[in-house]
Amino acid sequence: IDSLCYPIRLAYQYWKLTGDASVFGEEWVQAIEMVLRTFKEHTLII
């Protein structure tokens, strides 16, 4: 799970430092949706 959190943390830090949200397009949204699905699947297993 930690490895799935890292890109989110990195993206947040990038946005916080630069204010640039242009990199968070449709591809980014799809990636985050996959991360969230994975979190949900792991939660159901436990």
C-alpha atoms as a PDB file:
ATOM      1  CA  ILE A   1       0.000   0.000   0.000  1.00  0.00           C
ATOM      2  CA  ASP A   2       2.858   2.388   0.783  1.00  0.00           C
ATOM      3  CA  SER A   3       4.092   2.179  -2.794  1.00  0.00           C
ATOM      4  CA  LEU A   4       0.630   3.189  -4.022  1.00  0.00           C
ATOM      5  CA  CYS A   5       0.631   6.212  -1.722  1.00  0.00           C
ATOM      6  CA  TYR A   6       3.979   7.548  -2.877  1.00  0.00           C
ATOM      7  CA  PRO A   7       2.832   8.966  -6.258  1.00  0.00           C
ATOM      8  CA  ILE A   8      -0.065  10.710  -4.520  1.00  0.00           C
ATOM      9  CA  ARG A   9       2.239  12.253  -1.932  1.00  0.00           C
ATOM     10  CA  LEU A  10       4.731  13.259  -4.612  1.00  0.00           C
ATOM     11  CA  ALA A  11       2.010  14.850  -6.740  1.00  0.00           C
ATOM     12  CA  TYR A  12       0.641  16.749  -3.761  1.00  0.00           C
ATOM     13  CA  GLN A  13       4.088  18.101  -2.902  1.00  0.00           C
ATOM     14  CA  TYR A  14       4.648  19.084  -6.540  1.00  0.00           C
ATOM     15  CA  TRP A  15       1.334  20.941  -6.664  1.00  0.00           C
ATOM     16  CA  LYS A  16       1.905  22.547  -3.267  1.00  0.00           C
ATOM     17  CA  LEU A  17       5.331  23.869  -4.279  1.00  0.00           C
ATOM     18  CA  THR A  18       4.510  24.932  -7.836  1.00  0.00           C
ATOM     19  CA  GLY A  19       0.767  25.552  -7.901  1.00  0.00           C
ATOM     20  CA  ASP A  20       0.807  23.793 -11.280  1.00  0.00           C
ATOM     21  CA  ALA A  21      -2.204  21.528 -11.749  1.00  0.00           C
ATOM     22  CA  SER A  22      -1.754  21.153 -15.504  1.00  0.00           C
ATOM     23  CA  VAL A  23      -0.097  17.753 -15.090  1.00  0.00           C
ATOM     24  CA  PHE A  24      -3.208  16.288 -13.451  1.00  0.00           C
ATOM     25  CA  GLY A  25      -5.207  15.482 -16.545  1.00  0.00           C
ATOM     26  CA  GLU A  26      -7.365  12.539 -17.540  1.00  0.00           C
ATOM     27  CA  GLU A  27      -4.478  10.058 -17.425  1.00  0.00           C
ATOM     28  CA  TRP A  28      -3.701  11.116 -13.847  1.00  0.00           C
ATOM     29  CA  VAL A  29      -7.350  10.742 -12.842  1.00  0.00           C
ATOM     30  CA  GLN A  30      -7.449   7.229 -14.319  1.00  0.00           C
ATOM     31  CA  ALA A  31      -4.305   6.269 -12.418  1.00  0.00           C
ATOM     32  CA  ILE A  32      -5.730   7.546  -9.135  1.00  0.00           C
ATOM     33  CA  GLU A  33      -8.982   5.680  -9.778  1.00  0.00           C
ATOM     34  CA  MET A  34      -6.946   2.468 -10.152  1.00  0.00           C
ATOM     35  CA  VAL A  35      -5.140   3.193  -6.895  1.00  0.00           C
ATOM     36  CA  LEU A  36      -8.467   3.726  -5.116  1.00  0.00           C
ATOM     37  CA  ARG A  37      -9.865   0.478  -6.545  1.00  0.00           C
ATOM     38  CA  THR A  38      -6.781  -1.350  -5.305  1.00  0.00           C
ATOM     39  CA  PHE A  39      -7.209   0.154  -1.826  1.00  0.00           C
ATOM     40  CA  LYS A  40     -10.842  -0.976  -1.769  1.00  0.00           C
ATOM     41  CA  GLU A  41      -9.958  -4.491  -2.927  1.00  0.00           C
ATOM     42  CA  HIS A  42      -7.313  -4.832  -0.213  1.00  0.00           C
ATOM     43  CA  THR A  43      -9.749  -3.541   2.394  1.00  0.00           C
ATOM     44  CA  LEU A  44     -12.288  -6.196   1.427  1.00  0.00           C
ATOM     45  CA  ILE A  45      -9.698  -8.965   1.751  1.00  0.00           C
ATOM     46  CA  ILE A  46      -8.801  -8.072   5.331  1.00  0.00           C
END
